[in-house]
Amino acid sequence: MKTTIILSAIILFLCAITACEDKDYPAGLQEYDNHYYIAYVPYNNSKVTVNRNQTGLVKFPVQFHSAFVRNYDAVGMYTLNTTGIASPALPGQDFNIVDKNGNIIQPVDGKYSMTFPQAKKVRDTIYVKLLNNTLPGTRTIEINLIENVTSEYSVDTMSTAFKRPLEIR
């Protein structure tokens, strides 16, 4: 019993002196203060399969990762990729990239954008409207999040959640 009391006292004493240690940890490296990440949710690159006659919008949630609020809007970018796809789905024929109201979004230099006001951590969505193309066969497209580097900030991607293959049957 006496040994248990002594060991308990020693442990309490050690806990007390280590808990009071005051360290001044750095806030982080300045070059990463304006570096953000976007990624698909869930955090993977898995394929999504849909029927061509689906009438509702196909939704791809995207998470914008930020620890700060800024005086500028950060812009994430994405593009459509058909490289290595034998039967690619084509915009305007098989699907359109649209806003939440179904209005067609046109790319600029092949890139679509998502704006994150004040660079706040937030979740947004990429919307795809299927056009019920009657041509037979399965078609696929990859919607890839891509890096966007400006003089004010960088929006980067995560290797485990940067592409979303969409298979239209």
Protein backbone atom coordinates (compact mmCIF):
# COMPACT_ATOMS: atom_id res chain seq x y z
CA MET A 1 0.00 0.00 0.00
CA LYS A 2 2.86 2.34 0.93
CA THR A 3 4.55 1.64 -2.44
CA THR A 4 1.35 2.47 -4.34
CA ILE A 5 1.03 5.80 -2.54
CA ILE A 6 4.66 6.72 -3.21
CA LEU A 7 4.39 5.75 -6.94
CA SER A 8 1.15 7.71 -7.27
CA ALA A 9 2.77 10.76 -5.69
CA ILE A 10 5.77 10.53 -8.04
CA ILE A 11 3.50 10.21 -11.12
CA LEU A 12 1.37 13.18 -10.02
CA PHE A 13 4.51 15.26 -9.40
CA LEU A 14 5.93 14.41 -12.86
CA CYS A 15 2.59 15.19 -14.53
CA ALA A 16 2.41 18.53 -12.75
CA ILE A 17 5.89 19.72 -13.80
CA THR A 18 5.57 18.60 -17.43
CA ALA A 19 2.08 20.07 -17.88
CA CYS A 20 3.26 23.54 -16.90
CA GLU A 21 5.90 23.75 -19.61
CA ASP A 22 5.33 26.87 -21.72
CA LYS A 23 6.59 26.66 -25.29
CA ASP A 24 6.36 29.30 -27.97
CA TYR A 25 5.50 27.35 -31.13
CA PRO A 26 5.92 29.13 -34.47
CA ALA A 27 2.75 30.00 -36.38
CA GLY A 28 4.01 28.28 -39.53
CA LEU A 29 6.14 29.02 -42.54
CA GLN A 30 5.15 32.25 -44.26
CA GLU A 31 5.38 30.69 -47.72
CA TYR A 32 2.50 28.36 -46.77
CA ASP A 33 0.20 31.02 -45.30
CA ASN A 34 -1.47 31.49 -48.70
CA HIS A 35 -1.40 27.86 -49.82
CA TYR A 36 -4.79 26.12 -49.96
CA TYR A 37 -6.05 22.71 -51.01
CA ILE A 38 -9.14 21.47 -52.81
CA ALA A 39 -10.25 17.84 -52.85
CA TYR A 40 -13.26 15.75 -53.78
CA VAL A 41 -15.41 14.47 -50.94
CA PRO A 42 -15.21 11.61 -50.13
CA TYR A 43 -11.43 11.79 -50.25
CA ASN A 44 -10.72 9.32 -53.05
CA ASN A 45 -10.45 9.12 -56.83
CA SER A 46 -13.23 6.55 -57.26
CA LYS A 47 -15.42 6.32 -60.35
CA VAL A 48 -19.05 7.43 -60.29
CA THR A 49 -21.46 5.56 -62.59
CA VAL A 50 -24.78 7.10 -63.67
CA ASN A 51 -27.53 6.29 -66.14
CA ARG A 52 -27.67 8.56 -69.18
CA ASN A 53 -31.38 9.23 -68.68
CA GLN A 54 -30.93 10.57 -65.15
CA THR A 55 -32.79 13.87 -64.95
CA GLY A 56 -31.31 15.26 -61.73
CA LEU A 57 -27.95 16.95 -61.66
CA VAL A 58 -24.93 14.81 -60.80
CA LYS A 59 -23.19 16.44 -57.84
CA PHE A 60 -19.53 16.28 -56.95
CA PRO A 61 -18.79 17.91 -53.57
CA VAL A 62 -15.43 19.69 -53.32
CA GLN A 63 -13.83 20.73 -50.02
CA PHE A 64 -11.72 23.90 -49.90
CA HIS A 65 -9.17 23.63 -47.09
CA SER A 66 -8.09 26.87 -45.43
CA ALA A 67 -7.14 27.99 -41.94
CA PHE A 68 -7.49 31.71 -42.68
CA VAL A 69 -9.93 34.40 -43.75
CA ARG A 70 -8.42 36.72 -46.35
CA ASN A 71 -9.31 39.96 -48.11
CA TYR A 72 -9.31 38.17 -51.49
CA ASP A 73 -11.31 35.36 -53.06
CA ALA A 74 -9.38 32.18 -53.82
CA VAL A 75 -10.18 30.39 -57.07
CA GLY A 76 -9.95 26.65 -57.54
CA MET A 77 -9.75 25.20 -61.03
CA TYR A 78 -10.88 22.00 -62.71
CA THR A 79 -10.75 20.58 -66.19
CA LEU A 80 -12.19 17.73 -68.25
CA ASN A 81 -9.79 14.93 -69.21
CA THR A 82 -10.25 12.23 -71.85
CA THR A 83 -6.60 11.11 -72.12
CA GLY A 84 -6.41 7.32 -72.41
CA ILE A 85 -10.20 6.90 -72.43
CA ALA A 86 -11.38 4.70 -75.34
CA SER A 87 -14.99 5.97 -75.36
CA PRO A 88 -14.90 9.51 -73.98
CA ALA A 89 -18.02 11.36 -72.90
CA LEU A 90 -18.23 14.69 -74.68
CA PRO A 91 -19.48 18.01 -73.33
CA GLY A 92 -22.49 19.29 -75.26
CA GLN A 93 -23.25 15.76 -76.47
CA ASP A 94 -23.30 13.53 -73.38
CA PHE A 95 -23.30 16.11 -70.58
CA ASN A 96 -22.78 19.77 -69.66
CA ILE A 97 -21.03 21.36 -66.71
CA VAL A 98 -23.66 23.58 -65.10
CA ASP A 99 -24.29 25.73 -62.04
CA LYS A 100 -26.75 24.68 -59.32
CA ASN A 101 -29.63 26.15 -61.36
CA GLY A 102 -28.75 24.13 -64.47
CA ASN A 103 -27.21 27.03 -66.44
CA ILE A 104 -24.33 25.92 -68.65
CA ILE A 105 -20.87 27.04 -67.53
CA GLN A 106 -18.35 27.71 -70.28
CA PRO A 107 -14.68 26.98 -69.63
CA VAL A 108 -11.98 29.60 -70.13
CA ASP A 109 -8.96 28.13 -71.93
CA GLY A 110 -10.35 24.65 -71.15
CA LYS A 111 -10.57 25.36 -67.40
CA TYR A 112 -13.58 25.77 -65.15
CA SER A 113 -13.35 27.73 -61.91
CA MET A 114 -14.83 27.70 -58.42
CA THR A 115 -14.58 30.84 -56.29
CA PHE A 116 -14.10 30.59 -52.53
CA PRO A 117 -15.02 33.98 -50.99
CA GLN A 118 -12.40 35.38 -48.61
CA ALA A 119 -10.50 32.08 -48.94
CA LYS A 120 -12.64 30.65 -46.12
CA LYS A 121 -12.82 26.91 -45.53
CA VAL A 122 -16.00 25.81 -47.28
CA ARG A 123 -17.55 23.01 -49.33
CA ASP A 124 -18.79 23.69 -52.86
CA THR A 125 -20.15 21.47 -55.62
CA ILE A 126 -19.41 20.73 -59.26
CA TYR A 127 -22.67 20.02 -61.13
CA VAL A 128 -23.06 17.87 -64.24
CA LYS A 129 -26.25 17.73 -66.31
CA LEU A 130 -26.68 14.59 -68.41
CA LEU A 131 -28.07 15.08 -71.92
CA ASN A 132 -29.52 11.56 -72.47
CA ASN A 133 -27.45 10.93 -75.58
CA THR A 134 -29.09 8.06 -77.51
CA LEU A 135 -25.86 6.70 -79.02
CA PRO A 136 -25.26 3.19 -77.63
CA GLY A 137 -22.35 2.37 -75.34
CA THR A 138 -20.78 3.54 -72.13
CA ARG A 139 -18.84 6.81 -72.11
CA THR A 140 -16.43 8.15 -69.52
CA ILE A 141 -14.92 11.52 -68.63
CA GLU A 142 -12.59 12.55 -65.81
CA ILE A 143 -13.31 15.80 -64.01
CA ASN A 144 -9.91 16.73 -62.59
CA LEU A 145 -9.18 19.36 -59.99
CA ILE A 146 -6.00 21.21 -61.00
CA GLU A 147 -3.51 23.57 -59.40
CA ASN A 148 -4.07 27.32 -59.60
CA VAL A 149 -1.08 29.51 -58.73
CA THR A 150 -1.38 33.30 -58.60
CA SER A 151 0.83 36.04 -57.16
CA GLU A 152 -1.37 36.15 -54.02
CA TYR A 153 -2.02 32.45 -53.34
CA SER A 154 -1.83 28.84 -54.51
CA VAL A 155 -4.74 26.42 -54.63
CA ASP A 156 -3.34 22.91 -54.82
CA THR A 157 -4.91 19.44 -55.03
CA MET A 158 -4.56 16.26 -53.01
CA SER A 159 -3.18 13.18 -54.75
CA THR A 160 -5.87 10.95 -53.27
CA ALA A 161 -8.85 13.09 -54.27
CA PHE A 162 -8.13 15.19 -57.38
CA LYS A 163 -9.99 13.30 -60.10
CA ARG A 164 -13.52 11.99 -60.41
CA PRO A 165 -14.13 9.63 -63.34
CA LEU A 166 -17.76 9.84 -64.48
CA GLU A 167 -19.09 6.82 -66.35
CA ILE A 168 -22.31 7.40 -68.27
CA ARG A 169 -24.24 4.22 -69.19
